[in-house]
């Protein structure tokens, strides 16, 4: 659940100031957690495939076309989960919070993979 652990980072960046992201992450329904975990696996696999093809990890996941659709699904599922937990939030606000969480987590995952790659 590396993606959900990014909630605190997204919150501290000011993108989701109205939310206590850690509490939201703890109370998300299992299907939302499952979708986010699946996206995390997709990211790691896509980065590994990119490295196999190009000899290096991508600079960002924006460079990896194969995750674009999965990213959109993950953001939407997470936004829905946030909307269920905070019913007074607008869809736009929940979407922005979800996007910030996913973006921060993508950077964290890529940084972790780069650090592992540097050690090998």
PDB file of N, CA and C in Angstrom:
ATOM      1  N   UNK A   1       0.816  -1.190   0.000  1.00  0.00           N
ATOM      2  CA  UNK A   1       0.000   0.000   0.000  1.00  0.00           C
ATOM      3  C   UNK A   1       0.862   1.258   0.000  1.00  0.00           C
ATOM      4  N   UNK A   2       1.930   1.196  -0.756  1.00  0.00           N
ATOM      5  CA  UNK A   2       2.815   2.362  -0.848  1.00  0.00           C
ATOM      6  C   UNK A   2       2.060   3.583  -1.340  1.00  0.00           C
ATOM      7  N   UNK A   3       1.109   3.353  -2.225  1.00  0.00           N
ATOM      8  CA  UNK A   3       0.355   4.493  -2.742  1.00  0.00           C
ATOM      9  C   UNK A   3      -0.412   5.189  -1.629  1.00  0.00           C
ATOM     10  N   UNK A   4      -1.047   4.405  -0.796  1.00  0.00           N
ATOM     11  CA  UNK A   4      -1.824   5.017   0.276  1.00  0.00           C
ATOM     12  C   UNK A   4      -0.926   5.632   1.338  1.00  0.00           C
ATOM     13  N   UNK A   5       0.296   5.143   1.460  1.00  0.00           N
ATOM     14  CA  UNK A   5       1.198   5.765   2.430  1.00  0.00           C
ATOM     15  C   UNK A   5       1.607   7.154   1.987  1.00  0.00           C
ATOM     16  N   UNK A   6       1.380   7.478   0.736  1.00  0.00           N
ATOM     17  CA  UNK A   6       1.688   8.817   0.232  1.00  0.00           C
ATOM     18  C   UNK A   6       0.649   9.838   0.661  1.00  0.00           C
ATOM     19  N   UNK A   7      -0.419   9.385   1.265  1.00  0.00           N
ATOM     20  CA  UNK A   7      -1.470  10.309   1.685  1.00  0.00           C
ATOM     21  C   UNK A   7      -0.917  11.429   2.543  1.00  0.00           C
ATOM     22  N   UNK A   8      -0.067  11.096   3.490  1.00  0.00           N
ATOM     23  CA  UNK A   8       0.494  12.121   4.362  1.00  0.00           C
ATOM     24  C   UNK A   8       1.308  13.129   3.588  1.00  0.00           C
ATOM     25  N   UNK A   9       2.064  12.670   2.581  1.00  0.00           N
ATOM     26  CA  UNK A   9       2.855  13.583   1.764  1.00  0.00           C
ATOM     27  C   UNK A   9       1.965  14.517   0.965  1.00  0.00           C
ATOM     28  N   UNK A  10       0.907  13.989   0.393  1.00  0.00           N
ATOM     29  CA  UNK A  10       0.001  14.822  -0.401  1.00  0.00           C
ATOM     30  C   UNK A  10      -0.671  15.855   0.485  1.00  0.00           C
ATOM     31  N   UNK A  11      -1.034  15.426   1.674  1.00  0.00           N
ATOM     32  CA  UNK A  11      -1.688  16.363   2.585  1.00  0.00           C
ATOM     33  C   UNK A  11      -0.729  17.480   2.977  1.00  0.00           C
ATOM     34  N   UNK A  12       0.516  17.131   3.262  1.00  0.00           N
ATOM     35  CA  UNK A  12       1.450  18.160   3.705  1.00  0.00           C
ATOM     36  C   UNK A  12       1.847  19.098   2.583  1.00  0.00           C
ATOM     37  N   UNK A  13       1.676  18.665   1.332  1.00  0.00           N
ATOM     38  CA  UNK A  13       2.023  19.538   0.212  1.00  0.00           C
ATOM     39  C   UNK A  13       0.984  20.629   0.004  1.00  0.00           C
ATOM     40  N   UNK A  14      -0.154  20.527   0.702  1.00  0.00           N
ATOM     41  CA  UNK A  14      -1.171  21.559   0.598  1.00  0.00           C
ATOM     42  C   UNK A  14      -2.231  21.257  -0.440  1.00  0.00           C
ATOM     43  N   UNK A  15      -2.077  20.153  -1.174  1.00  0.00           N
ATOM     44  CA  UNK A  15      -3.042  19.831  -2.216  1.00  0.00           C
ATOM     45  C   UNK A  15      -4.365  19.347  -1.640  1.00  0.00           C
ATOM     46  N   UNK A  16      -4.348  18.835  -0.447  1.00  0.00           N
ATOM     47  CA  UNK A  16      -5.581  18.321   0.142  1.00  0.00           C
ATOM     48  C   UNK A  16      -5.721  18.822   1.576  1.00  0.00           C
ATOM     49  N   UNK A  17      -5.560  20.090   1.758  1.00  0.00           N
ATOM     50  CA  UNK A  17      -5.561  20.697   3.089  1.00  0.00           C
ATOM     51  C   UNK A  17      -6.824  20.390   3.891  1.00  0.00           C
ATOM     52  N   UNK A  18      -7.933  20.171   3.232  1.00  0.00           N
ATOM     53  CA  UNK A  18      -9.183  19.968   3.947  1.00  0.00           C
ATOM     54  C   UNK A  18      -9.336  18.550   4.468  1.00  0.00           C
ATOM     55  N   UNK A  19      -8.444  17.658   4.063  1.00  0.00           N
ATOM     56  CA  UNK A  19      -8.585  16.252   4.415  1.00  0.00           C
ATOM     57  C   UNK A  19      -7.501  15.812   5.377  1.00  0.00           C
ATOM     58  N   UNK A  20      -7.847  14.915   6.278  1.00  0.00           N
ATOM     59  CA  UNK A  20      -6.845  14.191   7.047  1.00  0.00           C
ATOM     60  C   UNK A  20      -6.617  12.905   6.263  1.00  0.00           C
ATOM     61  N   UNK A  21      -5.635  12.928   5.398  1.00  0.00           N
ATOM     62  CA  UNK A  21      -5.435  11.851   4.438  1.00  0.00           C
ATOM     63  C   UNK A  21      -5.133  10.518   5.104  1.00  0.00           C
ATOM     64  N   UNK A  22      -4.445  10.522   6.224  1.00  0.00           N
ATOM     65  CA  UNK A  22      -4.145   9.267   6.905  1.00  0.00           C
ATOM     66  C   UNK A  22      -5.424   8.596   7.400  1.00  0.00           C
ATOM     67  N   UNK A  23      -6.341   9.373   7.931  1.00  0.00           N
ATOM     68  CA  UNK A  23      -7.613   8.822   8.389  1.00  0.00           C
ATOM     69  C   UNK A  23      -8.402   8.286   7.201  1.00  0.00           C
ATOM     70  N   UNK A  24      -8.405   9.031   6.110  1.00  0.00           N
ATOM     71  CA  UNK A  24      -9.115   8.577   4.911  1.00  0.00           C
ATOM     72  C   UNK A  24      -8.541   7.254   4.435  1.00  0.00           C
ATOM     73  N   UNK A  25      -7.222   7.147   4.356  1.00  0.00           N
ATOM     74  CA  UNK A  25      -6.583   5.921   3.877  1.00  0.00           C
ATOM     75  C   UNK A  25      -6.955   4.726   4.746  1.00  0.00           C
ATOM     76  N   UNK A  26      -7.046   4.942   6.054  1.00  0.00           N
ATOM     77  CA  UNK A  26      -7.389   3.861   6.975  1.00  0.00           C
ATOM     78  C   UNK A  26      -8.826   3.396   6.813  1.00  0.00           C
ATOM     79  N   UNK A  27      -9.701   4.274   6.362  1.00  0.00           N
ATOM     80  CA  UNK A  27     -11.122   3.927   6.304  1.00  0.00           C
ATOM     81  C   UNK A  27     -11.631   3.652   4.897  1.00  0.00           C
ATOM     82  N   UNK A  28     -10.739   3.624   3.920  1.00  0.00           N
ATOM     83  CA  UNK A  28     -11.184   3.335   2.559  1.00  0.00           C
ATOM     84  C   UNK A  28     -11.710   1.907   2.466  1.00  0.00           C
ATOM     85  N   UNK A  29     -12.748   1.702   1.670  1.00  0.00           N
ATOM     86  CA  UNK A  29     -13.297   0.359   1.497  1.00  0.00           C
ATOM     87  C   UNK A  29     -12.261  -0.590   0.882  1.00  0.00           C
ATOM     88  N   UNK A  30     -12.389  -1.889   1.144  1.00  0.00           N
ATOM     89  CA  UNK A  30     -11.427  -2.868   0.624  1.00  0.00           C
ATOM     90  C   UNK A  30     -11.275  -2.836  -0.900  1.00  0.00           C
ATOM     91  N   UNK A  31     -12.360  -2.581  -1.616  1.00  0.00           N
ATOM     92  CA  UNK A  31     -12.262  -2.555  -3.080  1.00  0.00           C
ATOM     93  C   UNK A  31     -11.414  -1.381  -3.564  1.00  0.00           C
ATOM     94  N   UNK A  32     -11.439  -0.272  -2.832  1.00  0.00           N
ATOM     95  CA  UNK A  32     -10.601   0.878  -3.189  1.00  0.00           C
ATOM     96  C   UNK A  32      -9.142   0.543  -2.904  1.00  0.00           C
ATOM     97  N   UNK A  33      -8.891  -0.035  -1.746  1.00  0.00           N
ATOM     98  CA  UNK A  33      -7.527  -0.442  -1.412  1.00  0.00           C
ATOM     99  C   UNK A  33      -7.006  -1.446  -2.442  1.00  0.00           C
ATOM    100  N   UNK A  34      -7.859  -2.368  -2.863  1.00  0.00           N
ATOM    101  CA  UNK A  34      -7.460  -3.363  -3.862  1.00  0.00           C
ATOM    102  C   UNK A  34      -7.107  -2.731  -5.193  1.00  0.00           C
ATOM    103  N   UNK A  35      -7.889  -1.760  -5.614  1.00  0.00           N
ATOM    104  CA  UNK A  35      -7.613  -1.079  -6.885  1.00  0.00           C
ATOM    105  C   UNK A  35      -6.301  -0.315  -6.816  1.00  0.00           C
ATOM    106  N   UNK A  36      -6.041   0.313  -5.691  1.00  0.00           N
ATOM    107  CA  UNK A  36      -4.805   1.074  -5.524  1.00  0.00           C
ATOM    108  C   UNK A  36      -3.601   0.128  -5.495  1.00  0.00           C
ATOM    109  N   UNK A  37      -3.733  -0.990  -4.802  1.00  0.00           N
ATOM    110  CA  UNK A  37      -2.654  -1.979  -4.757  1.00  0.00           C
ATOM    111  C   UNK A  37      -2.382  -2.547  -6.146  1.00  0.00           C
ATOM    112  N   UNK A  38      -3.426  -2.794  -6.903  1.00  0.00           N
ATOM    113  CA  UNK A  38      -3.272  -3.278  -8.276  1.00  0.00           C
ATOM    114  C   UNK A  38      -2.530  -2.260  -9.134  1.00  0.00           C
ATOM    115  N   UNK A  39      -2.855  -0.993  -8.971  1.00  0.00           N
ATOM    116  CA  UNK A  39      -2.171   0.058  -9.726  1.00  0.00           C
ATOM    117  C   UNK A  39      -0.693   0.118  -9.342  1.00  0.00           C
ATOM    118  N   UNK A  40      -0.407  -0.064  -8.069  1.00  0.00           N
ATOM    119  CA  UNK A  40       0.990  -0.075  -7.626  1.00  0.00           C
ATOM    120  C   UNK A  40       1.757  -1.192  -8.336  1.00  0.00           C
ATOM    121  N   UNK A  41       1.171  -2.374  -8.420  1.00  0.00           N
ATOM    122  CA  UNK A  41       1.819  -3.484  -9.145  1.00  0.00           C
ATOM    123  C   UNK A  41       2.021  -3.127 -10.605  1.00  0.00           C
ATOM    124  N   UNK A  42       1.001  -2.513 -11.216  1.00  0.00           N
ATOM    125  CA  UNK A  42       1.113  -2.087 -12.618  1.00  0.00           C
ATOM    126  C   UNK A  42       2.280  -1.120 -12.804  1.00  0.00           C
ATOM    127  N   UNK A  43       2.440  -0.183 -11.871  1.00  0.00           N
ATOM    128  CA  UNK A  43       3.531   0.789 -11.961  1.00  0.00           C
ATOM    129  C   UNK A  43       4.888   0.100 -11.898  1.00  0.00           C
ATOM    130  N   UNK A  44       5.035  -0.785 -10.949  1.00  0.00           N
ATOM    131  CA  UNK A  44       6.318  -1.477 -10.797  1.00  0.00           C
ATOM    132  C   UNK A  44       6.634  -2.330 -12.026  1.00  0.00           C
ATOM    133  N   UNK A  45       5.629  -3.025 -12.547  1.00  0.00           N
ATOM    134  CA  UNK A  45       5.836  -3.845 -13.743  1.00  0.00           C
ATOM    135  C   UNK A  45       6.158  -2.980 -14.957  1.00  0.00           C
ATOM    136  N   UNK A  46       5.442  -1.887 -15.108  1.00  0.00           N
ATOM    137  CA  UNK A  46       5.679  -0.997 -16.254  1.00  0.00           C
ATOM    138  C   UNK A  46       7.077  -0.395 -16.195  1.00  0.00           C
ATOM    139  N   UNK A  47       7.519  -0.013 -15.010  1.00  0.00           N
ATOM    140  CA  UNK A  47       8.867   0.551 -14.867  1.00  0.00           C
ATOM    141  C   UNK A  47       9.924  -0.499 -15.180  1.00  0.00           C
ATOM    142  N   UNK A  48       9.706  -1.726 -14.733  1.00  0.00           N
ATOM    143  CA  UNK A  48      10.658  -2.803 -15.025  1.00  0.00           C
ATOM    144  C   UNK A  48      10.705  -3.089 -16.525  1.00  0.00           C
ATOM    145  N   UNK A  49       9.549  -3.096 -17.177  1.00  0.00           N
ATOM    146  CA  UNK A  49       9.507  -3.311 -18.628  1.00  0.00           C
ATOM    147  C   UNK A  49      10.183  -2.167 -19.372  1.00  0.00           C
ATOM    148  N   UNK A  50       9.971  -0.952 -18.911  1.00  0.00           N
ATOM    149  CA  UNK A  50      10.605   0.222 -19.521  1.00  0.00           C
ATOM    150  C   UNK A  50      12.121   0.098 -19.411  1.00  0.00           C
ATOM    151  N   UNK A  51      12.571  -0.315 -18.236  1.00  0.00           N
ATOM    152  CA  UNK A  51      14.014  -0.464 -18.033  1.00  0.00           C
ATOM    153  C   UNK A  51      14.575  -1.551 -18.943  1.00  0.00           C
ATOM    154  N   UNK A  52      13.848  -2.656 -19.088  1.00  0.00           N
ATOM    155  CA  UNK A  52      14.309  -3.738 -19.961  1.00  0.00           C
ATOM    156  C   UNK A  52      14.410  -3.267 -21.410  1.00  0.00           C
ATOM    157  N   UNK A  53      13.485  -2.415 -21.821  1.00  0.00           N
ATOM    158  CA  UNK A  53      13.475  -1.939 -23.206  1.00  0.00           C
ATOM    159  C   UNK A  53      14.482  -0.818 -23.453  1.00  0.00           C
ATOM    160  N   UNK A  54      14.587   0.120 -22.517  1.00  0.00           N
ATOM    161  CA  UNK A  54      15.404   1.314 -22.747  1.00  0.00           C
ATOM    162  C   UNK A  54      16.699   1.359 -21.934  1.00  0.00           C
ATOM    163  N   UNK A  55      16.900   0.388 -21.046  1.00  0.00           N
ATOM    164  CA  UNK A  55      18.135   0.329 -20.279  1.00  0.00           C
ATOM    165  C   UNK A  55      18.189   1.238 -19.068  1.00  0.00           C
ATOM    166  N   UNK A  56      17.103   1.887 -18.748  1.00  0.00           N
ATOM    167  CA  UNK A  56      17.038   2.769 -17.575  1.00  0.00           C
ATOM    168  C   UNK A  56      15.587   2.883 -17.135  1.00  0.00           C
ATOM    169  N   UNK A  57      15.415   3.323 -15.912  1.00  0.00           N
ATOM    170  CA  UNK A  57      14.060   3.571 -15.423  1.00  0.00           C
ATOM    171  C   UNK A  57      13.541   4.865 -16.040  1.00  0.00           C
ATOM    172  N   UNK A  58      12.229   4.993 -16.181  1.00  0.00           N
ATOM    173  CA  UNK A  58      11.685   6.243 -16.733  1.00  0.00           C
ATOM    174  C   UNK A  58      11.922   7.408 -15.774  1.00  0.00           C
ATOM    175  N   UNK A  59      11.966   8.604 -16.326  1.00  0.00           N
ATOM    176  CA  UNK A  59      12.104   9.793 -15.481  1.00  0.00           C
ATOM    177  C   UNK A  59      10.853  10.013 -14.646  1.00  0.00           C
ATOM    178  N   UNK A  60       9.704   9.690 -15.230  1.00  0.00           N
ATOM    179  CA  UNK A  60       8.431   9.733 -14.510  1.00  0.00           C
ATOM    180  C   UNK A  60       7.500   8.736 -15.182  1.00  0.00           C
ATOM    181  N   UNK A  61       6.391   8.453 -14.536  1.00  0.00           N
ATOM    182  CA  UNK A  61       5.441   7.526 -15.138  1.00  0.00           C
ATOM    183  C   UNK A  61       4.678   8.162 -16.290  1.00  0.00           C
ATOM    184  N   UNK A  62       4.805   9.462 -16.456  1.00  0.00           N
ATOM    185  CA  UNK A  62       4.224  10.124 -17.627  1.00  0.00           C
ATOM    186  C   UNK A  62       4.911   9.636 -18.901  1.00  0.00           C
ATOM    187  N   UNK A  63       6.149   9.129 -18.767  1.00  0.00           N
ATOM    188  CA  UNK A  63       6.893   8.595 -19.905  1.00  0.00           C
ATOM    189  C   UNK A  63       6.448   7.189 -20.290  1.00  0.00           C
ATOM    190  N   UNK A  64       5.585   6.581 -19.489  1.00  0.00           N
ATOM    191  CA  UNK A  64       5.182   5.194 -19.697  1.00  0.00           C
ATOM    192  C   UNK A  64       3.712   5.167 -20.102  1.00  0.00           C
ATOM    193  N   UNK A  65       3.475   5.056 -21.388  1.00  0.00           N
ATOM    194  CA  UNK A  65       2.107   5.128 -21.916  1.00  0.00           C
ATOM    195  C   UNK A  65       1.219   4.011 -21.383  1.00  0.00           C
ATOM    196  N   UNK A  66       1.793   2.862 -21.072  1.00  0.00           N
ATOM    197  CA  UNK A  66       0.987   1.714 -20.666  1.00  0.00           C
ATOM    198  C   UNK A  66       0.268   1.907 -19.335  1.00  0.00           C
ATOM    199  N   UNK A  67       0.664   2.881 -18.537  1.00  0.00           N
ATOM    200  CA  UNK A  67      -0.003   3.079 -17.246  1.00  0.00           C
ATOM    201  C   UNK A  67      -1.029   4.209 -17.268  1.00  0.00           C
ATOM    202  N   UNK A  68      -1.165   4.895 -18.380  1.00  0.00           N
ATOM    203  CA  UNK A  68      -2.072   6.052 -18.433  1.00  0.00           C
ATOM    204  C   UNK A  68      -3.511   5.669 -18.104  1.00  0.00           C
ATOM    205  N   UNK A  69      -4.006   4.615 -18.719  1.00  0.00           N
ATOM    206  CA  UNK A  69      -5.378   4.182 -18.458  1.00  0.00           C
ATOM    207  C   UNK A  69      -5.558   3.689 -17.036  1.00  0.00           C
ATOM    208  N   UNK A  70      -4.571   2.932 -16.550  1.00  0.00           N
ATOM    209  CA  UNK A  70      -4.637   2.417 -15.184  1.00  0.00           C
ATOM    210  C   UNK A  70      -4.591   3.560 -14.175  1.00  0.00           C
ATOM    211  N   UNK A  71      -3.838   4.600 -14.488  1.00  0.00           N
ATOM    212  CA  UNK A  71      -3.752   5.758 -13.594  1.00  0.00           C
ATOM    213  C   UNK A  71      -5.110   6.437 -13.482  1.00  0.00           C
ATOM    214  N   UNK A  72      -5.752   6.611 -14.615  1.00  0.00           N
ATOM    215  CA  UNK A  72      -7.068   7.257 -14.616  1.00  0.00           C
ATOM    216  C   UNK A  72      -8.061   6.464 -13.773  1.00  0.00           C
ATOM    217  N   UNK A  73      -8.031   5.143 -13.925  1.00  0.00           N
ATOM    218  CA  UNK A  73      -8.919   4.293 -13.133  1.00  0.00           C
ATOM    219  C   UNK A  73      -8.590   4.423 -11.646  1.00  0.00           C
ATOM    220  N   UNK A  74      -7.301   4.373 -11.303  1.00  0.00           N
ATOM    221  CA  UNK A  74      -6.902   4.475  -9.893  1.00  0.00           C
ATOM    222  C   UNK A  74      -7.335   5.804  -9.284  1.00  0.00           C
ATOM    223  N   UNK A  75      -7.150   6.893 -10.016  1.00  0.00           N
ATOM    224  CA  UNK A  75      -7.561   8.208  -9.513  1.00  0.00           C
ATOM    225  C   UNK A  75      -9.072   8.240  -9.309  1.00  0.00           C
ATOM    226  N   UNK A  76      -9.823   7.731 -10.270  1.00  0.00           N
ATOM    227  CA  UNK A  76     -11.286   7.744 -10.152  1.00  0.00           C
ATOM    228  C   UNK A  76     -11.777   6.882  -8.996  1.00  0.00           C
ATOM    229  N   UNK A  77     -11.194   5.684  -8.855  1.00  0.00           N
ATOM    230  CA  UNK A  77     -11.605   4.800  -7.759  1.00  0.00           C
ATOM    231  C   UNK A  77     -11.262   5.436  -6.414  1.00  0.00           C
ATOM    232  N   UNK A  78     -10.069   6.013  -6.317  1.00  0.00           N
ATOM    233  CA  UNK A  78      -9.671   6.667  -5.069  1.00  0.00           C
ATOM    234  C   UNK A  78     -10.555   7.884  -4.784  1.00  0.00           C
ATOM    235  N   UNK A  79     -10.874   8.656  -5.814  1.00  0.00           N
ATOM    236  CA  UNK A  79     -11.766   9.814  -5.633  1.00  0.00           C
ATOM    237  C   UNK A  79     -13.143   9.364  -5.157  1.00  0.00           C
ATOM    238  N   UNK A  80     -13.642   8.262  -5.714  1.00  0.00           N
ATOM    239  CA  UNK A  80     -14.928   7.722  -5.259  1.00  0.00           C
ATOM    240  C   UNK A  80     -14.850   7.321  -3.787  1.00  0.00           C
ATOM    241  N   UNK A  81     -13.735   6.664  -3.422  1.00  0.00           N
ATOM    242  CA  UNK A  81     -13.554   6.256  -2.030  1.00  0.00           C
ATOM    243  C   UNK A  81     -13.490   7.445  -1.096  1.00  0.00           C
ATOM    244  N   UNK A  82     -12.787   8.483  -1.522  1.00  0.00           N
ATOM    245  CA  UNK A  82     -12.715   9.711  -0.718  1.00  0.00           C
ATOM    246  C   UNK A  82     -14.098  10.336  -0.607  1.00  0.00           C
ATOM    247  N   UNK A  83     -14.829  10.358  -1.718  1.00  0.00           N
ATOM    248  CA  UNK A  83     -16.181  10.911  -1.713  1.00  0.00           C
ATOM    249  C   UNK A  83     -17.117  10.168  -0.778  1.00  0.00           C
ATOM    250  N   UNK A  84     -16.925   8.841  -0.664  1.00  0.00           N
ATOM    251  CA  UNK A  84     -17.740   8.056   0.260  1.00  0.00           C
ATOM    252  C   UNK A  84     -17.385   8.369   1.709  1.00  0.00           C
ATOM    253  N   UNK A  85     -16.112   8.632   1.968  1.00  0.00           N
ATOM    254  CA  UNK A  85     -15.669   8.908   3.331  1.00  0.00           C
ATOM    255  C   UNK A  85     -15.982  10.336   3.762  1.00  0.00           C
ATOM    256  N   UNK A  86     -16.014  11.246   2.791  1.00  0.00           N
ATOM    257  CA  UNK A  86     -16.272  12.661   3.077  1.00  0.00           C
ATOM    258  C   UNK A  86     -17.407  13.118   2.164  1.00  0.00           C
ATOM    259  N   UNK A  87     -18.633  12.804   2.543  1.00  0.00           N
ATOM    260  CA  UNK A  87     -19.767  13.062   1.651  1.00  0.00           C
ATOM    261  C   UNK A  87     -19.992  14.532   1.316  1.00  0.00           C
ATOM    262  N   UNK A  88     -19.493  15.445   2.118  1.00  0.00           N
ATOM    263  CA  UNK A  88     -19.689  16.867   1.828  1.00  0.00           C
ATOM    264  C   UNK A  88     -18.674  17.404   0.827  1.00  0.00           C
ATOM    265  N   UNK A  89     -17.687  16.586   0.442  1.00  0.00           N
ATOM    266  CA  UNK A  89     -16.682  17.060  -0.524  1.00  0.00           C
ATOM    267  C   UNK A  89     -17.255  16.997  -1.935  1.00  0.00           C
ATOM    268  N   UNK A  90     -16.856  17.935  -2.754  1.00  0.00           N
ATOM    269  CA  UNK A  90     -17.299  17.908  -4.150  1.00  0.00           C
ATOM    270  C   UNK A  90     -16.488  16.867  -4.902  1.00  0.00           C
ATOM    271  N   UNK A  91     -16.992  16.436  -6.030  1.00  0.00           N
ATOM    272  CA  UNK A  91     -16.269  15.473  -6.867  1.00  0.00           C
ATOM    273  C   UNK A  91     -14.932  16.072  -7.304  1.00  0.00           C
ATOM    274  N   UNK A  92     -14.931  17.350  -7.600  1.00  0.00           N
ATOM    275  CA  UNK A  92     -13.699  18.010  -8.034  1.00  0.00           C
ATOM    276  C   UNK A  92     -12.651  17.990  -6.921  1.00  0.00           C
ATOM    277  N   UNK A  93     -13.070  18.285  -5.706  1.00  0.00           N
ATOM    278  CA  UNK A  93     -12.141  18.291  -4.578  1.00  0.00           C
ATOM    279  C   UNK A  93     -11.614  16.889  -4.303  1.00  0.00           C
ATOM    280  N   UNK A  94     -12.507  15.898  -4.314  1.00  0.00           N
ATOM    281  CA  UNK A  94     -12.082  14.510  -4.105  1.00  0.00           C
ATOM    282  C   UNK A  94     -11.135  14.071  -5.217  1.00  0.00           C
ATOM    283  N   UNK A  95     -11.417  14.479  -6.442  1.00  0.00           N
ATOM    284  CA  UNK A  95     -10.548  14.144  -7.572  1.00  0.00           C
ATOM    285  C   UNK A  95      -9.172  14.770  -7.445  1.00  0.00           C
ATOM    286  N   UNK A  96      -9.133  16.024  -7.003  1.00  0.00           N
ATOM    287  CA  UNK A  96      -7.834  16.696  -6.808  1.00  0.00           C
ATOM    288  C   UNK A  96      -7.030  16.013  -5.707  1.00  0.00           C
ATOM    289  N   UNK A  97      -7.701  15.648  -4.625  1.00  0.00           N
ATOM    290  CA  UNK A  97      -7.009  14.960  -3.532  1.00  0.00           C
ATOM    291  C   UNK A  97      -6.490  13.605  -4.001  1.00  0.00           C
ATOM    292  N   UNK A  98      -7.317  12.873  -4.734  1.00  0.00           N
ATOM    293  CA  UNK A  98      -6.897  11.565  -5.253  1.00  0.00           C
ATOM    294  C   UNK A  98      -5.724  11.717  -6.207  1.00  0.00           C
ATOM    295  N   UNK A  99      -5.796  12.693  -7.082  1.00  0.00           N
ATOM    296  CA  UNK A  99      -4.710  12.930  -8.030  1.00  0.00           C
ATOM    297  C   UNK A  99      -3.411  13.275  -7.303  1.00  0.00           C
ATOM    298  N   UNK A 100      -3.501  14.095  -6.265  1.00  0.00           N
ATOM    299  CA  UNK A 100      -2.308  14.462  -5.494  1.00  0.00           C
ATOM    300  C   UNK A 100      -1.715  13.244  -4.794  1.00  0.00           C
ATOM    301  N   UNK A 101      -2.564  12.410  -4.234  1.00  0.00           N
ATOM    302  CA  UNK A 101      -2.096  11.199  -3.556  1.00  0.00           C
ATOM    303  C   UNK A 101      -1.405  10.272  -4.547  1.00  0.00           C
ATOM    304  N   UNK A 102      -2.035  10.051  -5.700  1.00  0.00           N
ATOM    305  CA  UNK A 102      -1.468   9.161  -6.722  1.00  0.00           C
ATOM    306  C   UNK A 102      -0.161   9.731  -7.259  1.00  0.00           C
ATOM    307  N   UNK A 103      -0.120  11.018  -7.552  1.00  0.00           N
ATOM    308  CA  UNK A 103       1.101  11.638  -8.091  1.00  0.00           C
ATOM    309  C   UNK A 103       2.265  11.527  -7.114  1.00  0.00           C
ATOM    310  N   UNK A 104       2.003  11.807  -5.850  1.00  0.00           N
ATOM    311  CA  UNK A 104       3.045  11.713  -4.833  1.00  0.00           C
ATOM    312  C   UNK A 104       3.527  10.276  -4.693  1.00  0.00           C
ATOM    313  N   UNK A 105       2.595   9.350  -4.719  1.00  0.00           N
ATOM    314  CA  UNK A 105       2.954   7.940  -4.594  1.00  0.00           C
ATOM    315  C   UNK A 105       3.751   7.452  -5.798  1.00  0.00           C
ATOM    316  N   UNK A 106       3.396   7.906  -6.984  1.00  0.00           N
ATOM    317  CA  UNK A 106       4.159   7.526  -8.177  1.00  0.00           C
ATOM    318  C   UNK A 106       5.610   7.978  -8.047  1.00  0.00           C
ATOM    319  N   UNK A 107       5.803   9.193  -7.594  1.00  0.00           N
ATOM    320  CA  UNK A 107       7.174   9.693  -7.399  1.00  0.00           C
ATOM    321  C   UNK A 107       7.912   8.856  -6.360  1.00  0.00           C
ATOM    322  N   UNK A 108       7.222   8.518  -5.287  1.00  0.00           N
ATOM    323  CA  UNK A 108       7.844   7.720  -4.230  1.00  0.00           C
ATOM    324  C   UNK A 108       8.232   6.337  -4.758  1.00  0.00           C
ATOM    325  N   UNK A 109       7.349   5.699  -5.489  1.00  0.00           N
ATOM    326  CA  UNK A 109       7.642   4.365  -6.028  1.00  0.00           C
ATOM    327  C   UNK A 109       8.830   4.427  -6.973  1.00  0.00           C
ATOM    328  N   UNK A 110       8.843   5.408  -7.848  1.00  0.00           N
ATOM    329  CA  UNK A 110       9.951   5.546  -8.795  1.00  0.00           C
ATOM    330  C   UNK A 110      11.258   5.838  -8.059  1.00  0.00           C
ATOM    331  N   UNK A 111      11.212   6.669  -7.040  1.00  0.00           N
ATOM    332  CA  UNK A 111      12.409   6.949  -6.237  1.00  0.00           C
ATOM    333  C   UNK A 111      12.917   5.682  -5.549  1.00  0.00           C
ATOM    334  N   UNK A 112      11.995   4.871  -5.025  1.00  0.00           N
ATOM    335  CA  UNK A 112      12.383   3.609  -4.394  1.00  0.00           C
ATOM    336  C   UNK A 112      13.051   2.685  -5.404  1.00  0.00           C
ATOM    337  N   UNK A 113      12.468   2.592  -6.591  1.00  0.00           N
ATOM    338  CA  UNK A 113      13.028   1.719  -7.620  1.00  0.00           C
ATOM    339  C   UNK A 113      14.396   2.220  -8.084  1.00  0.00           C
ATOM    340  N   UNK A 114      14.555   3.520  -8.183  1.00  0.00           N
ATOM    341  CA  UNK A 114      15.855   4.086  -8.573  1.00  0.00           C
ATOM    342  C   UNK A 114      16.904   3.806  -7.501  1.00  0.00           C
ATOM    343  N   UNK A 115      16.519   3.919  -6.240  1.00  0.00           N
ATOM    344  CA  UNK A 115      17.454   3.634  -5.150  1.00  0.00           C
ATOM    345  C   UNK A 115      17.859   2.162  -5.161  1.00  0.00           C
ATOM    346  N   UNK A 116      16.894   1.275  -5.383  1.00  0.00           N
ATOM    347  CA  UNK A 116      17.200  -0.154  -5.475  1.00  0.00           C
ATOM    348  C   UNK A 116      18.105  -0.437  -6.663  1.00  0.00           C
ATOM    349  N   UNK A 117      17.822   0.221  -7.776  1.00  0.00           N
ATOM    350  CA  UNK A 117      18.621   0.045  -8.986  1.00  0.00           C
ATOM    351  C   UNK A 117      20.058   0.514  -8.757  1.00  0.00           C
ATOM    352  N   UNK A 118      20.223   1.600  -8.038  1.00  0.00           N
ATOM    353  CA  UNK A 118      21.563   2.133  -7.767  1.00  0.00           C
ATOM    354  C   UNK A 118      22.364   1.200  -6.863  1.00  0.00           C
ATOM    355  N   UNK A 119      21.680   0.479  -5.982  1.00  0.00           N
ATOM    356  CA  UNK A 119      22.361  -0.453  -5.092  1.00  0.00           C
ATOM    357  C   UNK A 119      22.830  -1.705  -5.823  1.00  0.00           C
ATOM    358  N   UNK A 120      22.169  -2.024  -6.928  1.00  0.00           N
ATOM    359  CA  UNK A 120      22.518  -3.254  -7.668  1.00  0.00           C
ATOM    360  C   UNK A 120      23.564  -3.005  -8.655  1.00  0.00           C
TER     361      UNK A 120
END
